[in-house]
PDB file of N, CA and C in Angstrom:
ATOM      1  N   UNK A   1     -11.691-123.543  34.050  1.00  0.00           N
ATOM      2  CA  UNK A   1     -10.871-124.665  34.459  1.00  0.00           C
ATOM      3  C   UNK A   1     -11.547-125.358  35.644  1.00  0.00           C
ATOM      4  N   UNK A   2     -11.668-126.656  35.564  1.00  0.00           N
ATOM      5  CA  UNK A   2     -12.261-127.433  36.660  1.00  0.00           C
ATOM      6  C   UNK A   2     -11.315-127.465  37.847  1.00  0.00           C
ATOM      7  N   UNK A   3     -11.877-127.546  39.056  1.00  0.00           N
ATOM      8  CA  UNK A   3     -11.061-127.591  40.271  1.00  0.00           C
ATOM      9  C   UNK A   3     -10.050-128.726  40.221  1.00  0.00           C
ATOM     10  N   UNK A   4     -10.431-129.853  39.656  1.00  0.00           N
ATOM     11  CA  UNK A   4      -9.532-131.014  39.639  1.00  0.00           C
ATOM     12  C   UNK A   4      -8.373-130.831  38.671  1.00  0.00           C
ATOM     13  N   UNK A   5      -8.459-129.830  37.780  1.00  0.00           N
ATOM     14  CA  UNK A   5      -7.386-129.576  36.827  1.00  0.00           C
ATOM     15  C   UNK A   5      -6.349-128.593  37.356  1.00  0.00           C
ATOM     16  N   UNK A   6      -6.618-127.987  38.507  1.00  0.00           N
ATOM     17  CA  UNK A   6      -5.696-127.002  39.061  1.00  0.00           C
ATOM     18  C   UNK A   6      -4.447-127.666  39.634  1.00  0.00           C
ATOM     19  N   UNK A   7      -3.351-126.943  39.578  1.00  0.00           N
ATOM     20  CA  UNK A   7      -2.115-127.373  40.226  1.00  0.00           C
ATOM     21  C   UNK A   7      -2.091-126.792  41.633  1.00  0.00           C
ATOM     22  N   UNK A   8      -1.248-127.326  42.481  1.00  0.00           N
ATOM     23  CA  UNK A   8      -1.228-126.913  43.883  1.00  0.00           C
ATOM     24  C   UNK A   8      -1.016-125.413  44.049  1.00  0.00           C
ATOM     25  N   UNK A   9      -0.222-124.799  43.191  1.00  0.00           N
ATOM     26  CA  UNK A   9       0.082-123.381  43.356  1.00  0.00           C
ATOM     27  C   UNK A   9      -0.992-122.461  42.762  1.00  0.00           C
ATOM     28  N   UNK A  10      -2.055-123.037  42.235  1.00  0.00           N
ATOM     29  CA  UNK A  10      -3.151-122.231  41.686  1.00  0.00           C
ATOM     30  C   UNK A  10      -4.307-122.071  42.687  1.00  0.00           C
ATOM     31  N   UNK A  11      -4.161-122.687  43.855  1.00  0.00           N
ATOM     32  CA  UNK A  11      -5.165-122.539  44.905  1.00  0.00           C
ATOM     33  C   UNK A  11      -4.798-121.356  45.798  1.00  0.00           C
ATOM     34  N   UNK A  12      -5.787-120.732  46.443  1.00  0.00           N
ATOM     35  CA  UNK A  12      -5.483-119.618  47.342  1.00  0.00           C
ATOM     36  C   UNK A  12      -4.626-120.073  48.525  1.00  0.00           C
ATOM     37  N   UNK A  13      -3.745-119.204  48.969  1.00  0.00           N
ATOM     38  CA  UNK A  13      -2.895-119.500  50.116  1.00  0.00           C
ATOM     39  C   UNK A  13      -3.763-119.678  51.351  1.00  0.00           C
ATOM     40  N   UNK A  14      -3.434-120.665  52.163  1.00  0.00           N
ATOM     41  CA  UNK A  14      -4.158-120.899  53.407  1.00  0.00           C
ATOM     42  C   UNK A  14      -5.492-121.591  53.225  1.00  0.00           C
ATOM     43  N   UNK A  15      -5.794-122.080  52.043  1.00  0.00           N
ATOM     44  CA  UNK A  15      -7.044-122.799  51.816  1.00  0.00           C
ATOM     45  C   UNK A  15      -8.277-121.931  51.984  1.00  0.00           C
ATOM     46  N   UNK A  16      -8.165-120.637  51.648  1.00  0.00           N
ATOM     47  CA  UNK A  16      -9.305-119.735  51.785  1.00  0.00           C
ATOM     48  C   UNK A  16     -10.453-120.185  50.875  1.00  0.00           C
ATOM     49  N   UNK A  17     -11.639-120.016  51.353  1.00  0.00           N
ATOM     50  CA  UNK A  17     -12.823-120.320  50.550  1.00  0.00           C
ATOM     51  C   UNK A  17     -13.183-119.046  49.790  1.00  0.00           C
ATOM     52  N   UNK A  18     -13.124-119.116  48.480  1.00  0.00           N
ATOM     53  CA  UNK A  18     -13.344-117.926  47.670  1.00  0.00           C
ATOM     54  C   UNK A  18     -14.734-117.832  47.057  1.00  0.00           C
ATOM     55  N   UNK A  19     -15.499-118.896  47.154  1.00  0.00           N
ATOM     56  CA  UNK A  19     -16.870-118.860  46.647  1.00  0.00           C
ATOM     57  C   UNK A  19     -17.762-119.730  47.516  1.00  0.00           C
ATOM     58  N   UNK A  20     -18.971-119.278  47.749  1.00  0.00           N
ATOM     59  CA  UNK A  20     -19.887-120.042  48.596  1.00  0.00           C
ATOM     60  C   UNK A  20     -20.386-121.286  47.869  1.00  0.00           C
ATOM     61  N   UNK A  21     -20.660-122.326  48.643  1.00  0.00           N
ATOM     62  CA  UNK A  21     -21.205-123.563  48.091  1.00  0.00           C
ATOM     63  C   UNK A  21     -20.206-124.457  47.387  1.00  0.00           C
ATOM     64  N   UNK A  22     -18.923-124.119  47.416  1.00  0.00           N
ATOM     65  CA  UNK A  22     -17.939-124.902  46.675  1.00  0.00           C
ATOM     66  C   UNK A  22     -17.678-126.280  47.290  1.00  0.00           C
ATOM     67  N   UNK A  23     -18.015-126.473  48.557  1.00  0.00           N
ATOM     68  CA  UNK A  23     -17.769-127.757  49.218  1.00  0.00           C
ATOM     69  C   UNK A  23     -18.574-128.892  48.589  1.00  0.00           C
ATOM     70  N   UNK A  24     -19.652-128.565  47.918  1.00  0.00           N
ATOM     71  CA  UNK A  24     -20.472-129.601  47.282  1.00  0.00           C
ATOM     72  C   UNK A  24     -19.716-130.363  46.197  1.00  0.00           C
ATOM     73  N   UNK A  25     -18.697-129.745  45.651  1.00  0.00           N
ATOM     74  CA  UNK A  25     -17.930-130.389  44.572  1.00  0.00           C
ATOM     75  C   UNK A  25     -16.909-131.391  45.089  1.00  0.00           C
ATOM     76  N   UNK A  26     -16.661-131.387  46.385  1.00  0.00           N
ATOM     77  CA  UNK A  26     -15.616-132.242  46.951  1.00  0.00           C
ATOM     78  C   UNK A  26     -16.217-133.347  47.797  1.00  0.00           C
ATOM     79  N   UNK A  27     -15.696-134.517  47.653  1.00  0.00           N
ATOM     80  CA  UNK A  27     -16.134-135.662  48.454  1.00  0.00           C
ATOM     81  C   UNK A  27     -14.978-136.040  49.375  1.00  0.00           C
ATOM     82  N   UNK A  28     -15.298-136.298  50.636  1.00  0.00           N
ATOM     83  CA  UNK A  28     -14.281-136.661  51.609  1.00  0.00           C
ATOM     84  C   UNK A  28     -13.476-137.868  51.132  1.00  0.00           C
ATOM     85  N   UNK A  29     -14.145-138.807  50.477  1.00  0.00           N
ATOM     86  CA  UNK A  29     -13.481-140.019  50.021  1.00  0.00           C
ATOM     87  C   UNK A  29     -12.456-139.811  48.929  1.00  0.00           C
ATOM     88  N   UNK A  30     -12.428-138.625  48.324  1.00  0.00           N
ATOM     89  CA  UNK A  30     -11.482-138.361  47.247  1.00  0.00           C
ATOM     90  C   UNK A  30     -10.031-138.385  47.715  1.00  0.00           C
ATOM     91  N   UNK A  31      -9.774-138.158  48.998  1.00  0.00           N
ATOM     92  CA  UNK A  31      -8.392-138.131  49.471  1.00  0.00           C
ATOM     93  C   UNK A  31      -8.058-139.292  50.407  1.00  0.00           C
ATOM     94  N   UNK A  32      -8.880-140.319  50.369  1.00  0.00           N
ATOM     95  CA  UNK A  32      -8.659-141.504  51.217  1.00  0.00           C
ATOM     96  C   UNK A  32      -7.486-142.333  50.668  1.00  0.00           C
ATOM     97  N   UNK A  33      -6.657-142.883  51.562  1.00  0.00           N
ATOM     98  CA  UNK A  33      -5.575-143.779  51.136  1.00  0.00           C
ATOM     99  C   UNK A  33      -5.840-145.226  51.566  1.00  0.00           C
ATOM    100  N   UNK A  34      -6.757-145.399  52.530  1.00  0.00           N
ATOM    101  CA  UNK A  34      -7.160-146.740  52.962  1.00  0.00           C
ATOM    102  C   UNK A  34      -8.679-146.790  52.988  1.00  0.00           C
ATOM    103  N   UNK A  35      -9.231-147.962  52.715  1.00  0.00           N
ATOM    104  CA  UNK A  35     -10.678-148.106  52.718  1.00  0.00           C
ATOM    105  C   UNK A  35     -11.086-149.278  53.602  1.00  0.00           C
ATOM    106  N   UNK A  36     -12.209-149.149  54.313  1.00  0.00           N
ATOM    107  CA  UNK A  36     -12.673-150.252  55.145  1.00  0.00           C
ATOM    108  C   UNK A  36     -13.381-151.313  54.290  1.00  0.00           C
ATOM    109  N   UNK A  37     -13.173-152.543  54.663  1.00  0.00           N
ATOM    110  CA  UNK A  37     -13.895-153.658  54.035  1.00  0.00           C
ATOM    111  C   UNK A  37     -14.436-154.527  55.154  1.00  0.00           C
ATOM    112  N   UNK A  38     -15.672-154.987  54.978  1.00  0.00           N
ATOM    113  CA  UNK A  38     -16.325-155.768  56.032  1.00  0.00           C
ATOM    114  C   UNK A  38     -16.414-157.236  55.628  1.00  0.00           C
ATOM    115  N   UNK A  39     -16.151-158.101  56.581  1.00  0.00           N
ATOM    116  CA  UNK A  39     -16.347-159.545  56.418  1.00  0.00           C
ATOM    117  C   UNK A  39     -17.710-159.845  57.034  1.00  0.00           C
ATOM    118  N   UNK A  40     -18.719-160.004  56.206  1.00  0.00           N
ATOM    119  CA  UNK A  40     -20.089-160.177  56.690  1.00  0.00           C
ATOM    120  C   UNK A  40     -20.268-161.467  57.492  1.00  0.00           C
ATOM    121  N   UNK A  41     -19.370-162.438  57.345  1.00  0.00           N
ATOM    122  CA  UNK A  41     -19.467-163.661  58.140  1.00  0.00           C
ATOM    123  C   UNK A  41     -19.103-163.395  59.603  1.00  0.00           C
ATOM    124  N   UNK A  42     -18.241-162.427  59.849  1.00  0.00           N
ATOM    125  CA  UNK A  42     -17.859-162.064  61.214  1.00  0.00           C
ATOM    126  C   UNK A  42     -18.785-161.012  61.816  1.00  0.00           C
ATOM    127  N   UNK A  43     -19.403-160.202  60.959  1.00  0.00           N
ATOM    128  CA  UNK A  43     -20.215-159.060  61.406  1.00  0.00           C
ATOM    129  C   UNK A  43     -21.469-159.530  62.151  1.00  0.00           C
ATOM    130  N   UNK A  44     -21.718-158.928  63.325  1.00  0.00           N
ATOM    131  CA  UNK A  44     -22.908-159.271  64.115  1.00  0.00           C
ATOM    132  C   UNK A  44     -23.948-158.133  64.087  1.00  0.00           C
ATOM    133  N   UNK A  45     -23.745-157.166  63.190  1.00  0.00           N
ATOM    134  CA  UNK A  45     -24.665-156.035  63.030  1.00  0.00           C
ATOM    135  C   UNK A  45     -24.915-155.288  64.337  1.00  0.00           C
ATOM    136  N   UNK A  46     -23.856-155.109  65.105  1.00  0.00           N
ATOM    137  CA  UNK A  46     -23.979-154.343  66.356  1.00  0.00           C
ATOM    138  C   UNK A  46     -24.082-152.845  66.073  1.00  0.00           C
ATOM    139  N   UNK A  47     -23.638-152.446  64.889  1.00  0.00           N
ATOM    140  CA  UNK A  47     -23.679-151.065  64.402  1.00  0.00           C
ATOM    141  C   UNK A  47     -22.756-150.115  65.159  1.00  0.00           C
ATOM    142  N   UNK A  48     -21.762-150.647  65.850  1.00  0.00           N
ATOM    143  CA  UNK A  48     -20.756-149.776  66.470  1.00  0.00           C
ATOM    144  C   UNK A  48     -20.073-148.946  65.384  1.00  0.00           C
ATOM    145  N   UNK A  49     -19.843-149.544  64.225  1.00  0.00           N
ATOM    146  CA  UNK A  49     -19.205-148.827  63.113  1.00  0.00           C
ATOM    147  C   UNK A  49     -20.030-147.597  62.742  1.00  0.00           C
ATOM    148  N   UNK A  50     -21.322-147.753  62.690  1.00  0.00           N
ATOM    149  CA  UNK A  50     -22.231-146.653  62.350  1.00  0.00           C
ATOM    150  C   UNK A  50     -22.232-145.580  63.438  1.00  0.00           C
ATOM    151  N   UNK A  51     -22.257-146.011  64.689  1.00  0.00           N
ATOM    152  CA  UNK A  51     -22.287-145.076  65.812  1.00  0.00           C
ATOM    153  C   UNK A  51     -21.029-144.209  65.836  1.00  0.00           C
ATOM    154  N   UNK A  52     -19.869-144.815  65.613  1.00  0.00           N
ATOM    155  CA  UNK A  52     -18.607-144.104  65.756  1.00  0.00           C
ATOM    156  C   UNK A  52     -18.107-143.421  64.485  1.00  0.00           C
ATOM    157  N   UNK A  53     -18.671-143.729  63.336  1.00  0.00           N
ATOM    158  CA  UNK A  53     -18.199-143.142  62.080  1.00  0.00           C
ATOM    159  C   UNK A  53     -18.442-141.632  62.073  1.00  0.00           C
ATOM    160  N   UNK A  54     -17.383-140.831  61.909  1.00  0.00           N
ATOM    161  CA  UNK A  54     -17.551-139.377  61.916  1.00  0.00           C
ATOM    162  C   UNK A  54     -18.075-138.821  60.595  1.00  0.00           C
ATOM    163  N   UNK A  55     -18.190-139.644  59.573  1.00  0.00           N
ATOM    164  CA  UNK A  55     -18.544-139.150  58.244  1.00  0.00           C
ATOM    165  C   UNK A  55     -19.846-139.699  57.677  1.00  0.00           C
ATOM    166  N   UNK A  56     -20.631-140.400  58.493  1.00  0.00           N
ATOM    167  CA  UNK A  56     -21.886-140.992  58.013  1.00  0.00           C
ATOM    168  C   UNK A  56     -21.630-141.890  56.791  1.00  0.00           C
ATOM    169  N   UNK A  57     -20.580-142.689  56.859  1.00  0.00           N
ATOM    170  CA  UNK A  57     -20.188-143.527  55.734  1.00  0.00           C
ATOM    171  C   UNK A  57     -20.726-144.951  55.796  1.00  0.00           C
ATOM    172  N   UNK A  58     -21.251-145.356  56.929  1.00  0.00           N
ATOM    173  CA  UNK A  58     -21.739-146.725  57.083  1.00  0.00           C
ATOM    174  C   UNK A  58     -23.200-146.773  56.623  1.00  0.00           C
ATOM    175  N   UNK A  59     -23.478-147.677  55.714  1.00  0.00           N
ATOM    176  CA  UNK A  59     -24.833-147.833  55.195  1.00  0.00           C
ATOM    177  C   UNK A  59     -25.565-148.859  56.048  1.00  0.00           C
ATOM    178  N   UNK A  60     -26.703-148.458  56.592  1.00  0.00           N
ATOM    179  CA  UNK A  60     -27.521-149.326  57.438  1.00  0.00           C
ATOM    180  C   UNK A  60     -28.911-149.421  56.822  1.00  0.00           C
ATOM    181  N   UNK A  61     -29.397-150.639  56.668  1.00  0.00           N
ATOM    182  CA  UNK A  61     -30.754-150.896  56.184  1.00  0.00           C
ATOM    183  C   UNK A  61     -31.367-151.989  57.046  1.00  0.00           C
ATOM    184  N   UNK A  62     -32.570-151.757  57.488  1.00  0.00           N
ATOM    185  CA  UNK A  62     -33.278-152.738  58.326  1.00  0.00           C
ATOM    186  C   UNK A  62     -32.436-153.169  59.531  1.00  0.00           C
ATOM    187  N   UNK A  63     -31.785-152.188  60.152  1.00  0.00           N
ATOM    188  CA  UNK A  63     -30.963-152.400  61.338  1.00  0.00           C
ATOM    189  C   UNK A  63     -29.787-153.350  61.103  1.00  0.00           C
ATOM    190  N   UNK A  64     -29.298-153.401  59.865  1.00  0.00           N
ATOM    191  CA  UNK A  64     -28.156-154.247  59.514  1.00  0.00           C
ATOM    192  C   UNK A  64     -27.132-153.410  58.755  1.00  0.00           C
ATOM    193  N   UNK A  65     -25.876-153.705  59.013  1.00  0.00           N
ATOM    194  CA  UNK A  65     -24.789-153.034  58.305  1.00  0.00           C
ATOM    195  C   UNK A  65     -24.715-153.601  56.895  1.00  0.00           C
ATOM    196  N   UNK A  66     -24.874-152.728  55.888  1.00  0.00           N
ATOM    197  CA  UNK A  66     -24.899-153.181  54.489  1.00  0.00           C
ATOM    198  C   UNK A  66     -23.618-152.878  53.739  1.00  0.00           C
ATOM    199  N   UNK A  67     -22.826-151.960  54.240  1.00  0.00           N
ATOM    200  CA  UNK A  67     -21.594-151.606  53.536  1.00  0.00           C
ATOM    201  C   UNK A  67     -21.179-150.187  53.862  1.00  0.00           C
ATOM    202  N   UNK A  68     -20.406-149.585  52.949  1.00  0.00           N
ATOM    203  CA  UNK A  68     -19.872-148.253  53.176  1.00  0.00           C
ATOM    204  C   UNK A  68     -20.208-147.309  52.032  1.00  0.00           C
ATOM    205  N   UNK A  69     -20.414-146.080  52.360  1.00  0.00           N
ATOM    206  CA  UNK A  69     -20.597-145.006  51.392  1.00  0.00           C
ATOM    207  C   UNK A  69     -19.200-144.418  51.182  1.00  0.00           C
ATOM    208  N   UNK A  70     -18.471-144.966  50.215  1.00  0.00           N
ATOM    209  CA  UNK A  70     -17.073-144.612  50.034  1.00  0.00           C
ATOM    210  C   UNK A  70     -16.864-143.164  49.601  1.00  0.00           C
ATOM    211  N   UNK A  71     -17.851-142.538  49.015  1.00  0.00           N
ATOM    212  CA  UNK A  71     -17.689-141.140  48.616  1.00  0.00           C
ATOM    213  C   UNK A  71     -17.537-140.226  49.834  1.00  0.00           C
ATOM    214  N   UNK A  72     -18.011-140.681  50.997  1.00  0.00           N
ATOM    215  CA  UNK A  72     -17.896-139.899  52.227  1.00  0.00           C
ATOM    216  C   UNK A  72     -16.763-140.390  53.131  1.00  0.00           C
ATOM    217  N   UNK A  73     -16.348-141.629  52.978  1.00  0.00           N
ATOM    218  CA  UNK A  73     -15.356-142.240  53.879  1.00  0.00           C
ATOM    219  C   UNK A  73     -13.967-141.665  53.644  1.00  0.00           C
ATOM    220  N   UNK A  74     -13.367-141.145  54.707  1.00  0.00           N
ATOM    221  CA  UNK A  74     -12.015-140.596  54.585  1.00  0.00           C
ATOM    222  C   UNK A  74     -10.946-141.623  54.952  1.00  0.00           C
ATOM    223  N   UNK A  75     -11.348-142.830  55.346  1.00  0.00           N
ATOM    224  CA  UNK A  75     -10.388-143.888  55.639  1.00  0.00           C
ATOM    225  C   UNK A  75      -9.716-143.773  56.983  1.00  0.00           C
ATOM    226  N   UNK A  76     -10.393-143.191  57.947  1.00  0.00           N
ATOM    227  CA  UNK A  76      -9.788-142.961  59.269  1.00  0.00           C
ATOM    228  C   UNK A  76      -9.585-144.256  60.057  1.00  0.00           C
ATOM    229  N   UNK A  77     -10.398-145.281  59.795  1.00  0.00           N
ATOM    230  CA  UNK A  77     -10.239-146.563  60.474  1.00  0.00           C
ATOM    231  C   UNK A  77     -10.930-146.672  61.818  1.00  0.00           C
ATOM    232  N   UNK A  78     -11.693-145.676  62.209  1.00  0.00           N
ATOM    233  CA  UNK A  78     -12.406-145.745  63.487  1.00  0.00           C
ATOM    234  C   UNK A  78     -13.361-146.933  63.496  1.00  0.00           C
ATOM    235  N   UNK A  79     -14.034-147.177  62.397  1.00  0.00           N
ATOM    236  CA  UNK A  79     -14.975-148.304  62.326  1.00  0.00           C
ATOM    237  C   UNK A  79     -14.263-149.627  62.609  1.00  0.00           C
ATOM    238  N   UNK A  80     -13.074-149.805  62.029  1.00  0.00           N
ATOM    239  CA  UNK A  80     -12.308-151.041  62.231  1.00  0.00           C
ATOM    240  C   UNK A  80     -11.822-151.156  63.677  1.00  0.00           C
ATOM    241  N   UNK A  81     -11.430-150.045  64.265  1.00  0.00           N
ATOM    242  CA  UNK A  81     -10.956-150.041  65.647  1.00  0.00           C
ATOM    243  C   UNK A  81     -12.071-150.380  66.624  1.00  0.00           C
ATOM    244  N   UNK A  82     -13.262-149.865  66.371  1.00  0.00           N
ATOM    245  CA  UNK A  82     -14.388-150.047  67.293  1.00  0.00           C
ATOM    246  C   UNK A  82     -15.143-151.354  67.099  1.00  0.00           C
ATOM    247  N   UNK A  83     -14.919-152.044  65.999  1.00  0.00           N
ATOM    248  CA  UNK A  83     -15.643-153.296  65.733  1.00  0.00           C
ATOM    249  C   UNK A  83     -15.232-154.377  66.733  1.00  0.00           C
ATOM    250  N   UNK A  84     -16.166-154.859  67.561  1.00  0.00           N
ATOM    251  CA  UNK A  84     -15.817-155.850  68.582  1.00  0.00           C
ATOM    252  C   UNK A  84     -15.458-157.222  68.011  1.00  0.00           C
ATOM    253  N   UNK A  85     -15.867-157.514  66.796  1.00  0.00           N
ATOM    254  CA  UNK A  85     -15.592-158.809  66.171  1.00  0.00           C
ATOM    255  C   UNK A  85     -14.463-158.743  65.141  1.00  0.00           C
ATOM    256  N   UNK A  86     -13.853-157.554  65.004  1.00  0.00           N
ATOM    257  CA  UNK A  86     -12.780-157.348  64.018  1.00  0.00           C
ATOM    258  C   UNK A  86     -13.237-157.777  62.617  1.00  0.00           C
ATOM    259  N   UNK A  87     -14.491-157.467  62.310  1.00  0.00           N
ATOM    260  CA  UNK A  87     -15.060-157.799  61.005  1.00  0.00           C
ATOM    261  C   UNK A  87     -14.681-156.778  59.938  1.00  0.00           C
ATOM    262  N   UNK A  88     -14.154-155.638  60.360  1.00  0.00           N
ATOM    263  CA  UNK A  88     -13.772-154.581  59.414  1.00  0.00           C
ATOM    264  C   UNK A  88     -12.258-154.472  59.401  1.00  0.00           C
ATOM    265  N   UNK A  89     -11.697-154.524  58.204  1.00  0.00           N
ATOM    266  CA  UNK A  89     -10.258-154.337  58.045  1.00  0.00           C
ATOM    267  C   UNK A  89     -10.017-153.171  57.088  1.00  0.00           C
ATOM    268  N   UNK A  90      -8.904-152.526  57.279  1.00  0.00           N
ATOM    269  CA  UNK A  90      -8.539-151.399  56.427  1.00  0.00           C
ATOM    270  C   UNK A  90      -7.579-151.907  55.342  1.00  0.00           C
ATOM    271  N   UNK A  91      -7.922-151.651  54.097  1.00  0.00           N
ATOM    272  CA  UNK A  91      -7.123-152.081  52.948  1.00  0.00           C
ATOM    273  C   UNK A  91      -6.560-150.848  52.253  1.00  0.00           C
ATOM    274  N   UNK A  92      -5.378-151.003  51.688  1.00  0.00           N
ATOM    275  CA  UNK A  92      -4.782-149.918  50.926  1.00  0.00           C
ATOM    276  C   UNK A  92      -5.692-149.620  49.723  1.00  0.00           C
ATOM    277  N   UNK A  93      -5.930-148.347  49.485  1.00  0.00           N
ATOM    278  CA  UNK A  93      -6.763-147.928  48.360  1.00  0.00           C
ATOM    279  C   UNK A  93      -6.093-148.370  47.053  1.00  0.00           C
ATOM    280  N   UNK A  94      -6.862-148.963  46.171  1.00  0.00           N
ATOM    281  CA  UNK A  94      -6.351-149.400  44.886  1.00  0.00           C
ATOM    282  C   UNK A  94      -5.660-150.750  44.899  1.00  0.00           C
ATOM    283  N   UNK A  95      -5.543-151.365  46.064  1.00  0.00           N
ATOM    284  CA  UNK A  95      -4.871-152.677  46.145  1.00  0.00           C
ATOM    285  C   UNK A  95      -5.841-153.803  45.923  1.00  0.00           C
TER     286      UNK A  95
END
């Protein structure tokens, strides 16, 4: 049975890790309820979002903010809070 097919009561009590290396199957972004979106017209590529992101979710290329790695983003909103130009807004997931 795949991990995603399990019901809540089929997991070990207390979230015990029962096998090594199992974290590779889970992406932080799987439980996100809000996602950051950037308005590139407002963005000044200061990279504060990258500096403050706890999940390495901000994609940077050639010293410019290119977007987000949503598989890692947990939707905490730190990037939006720290953006000096308010170029990042948090949107409801699936909206």
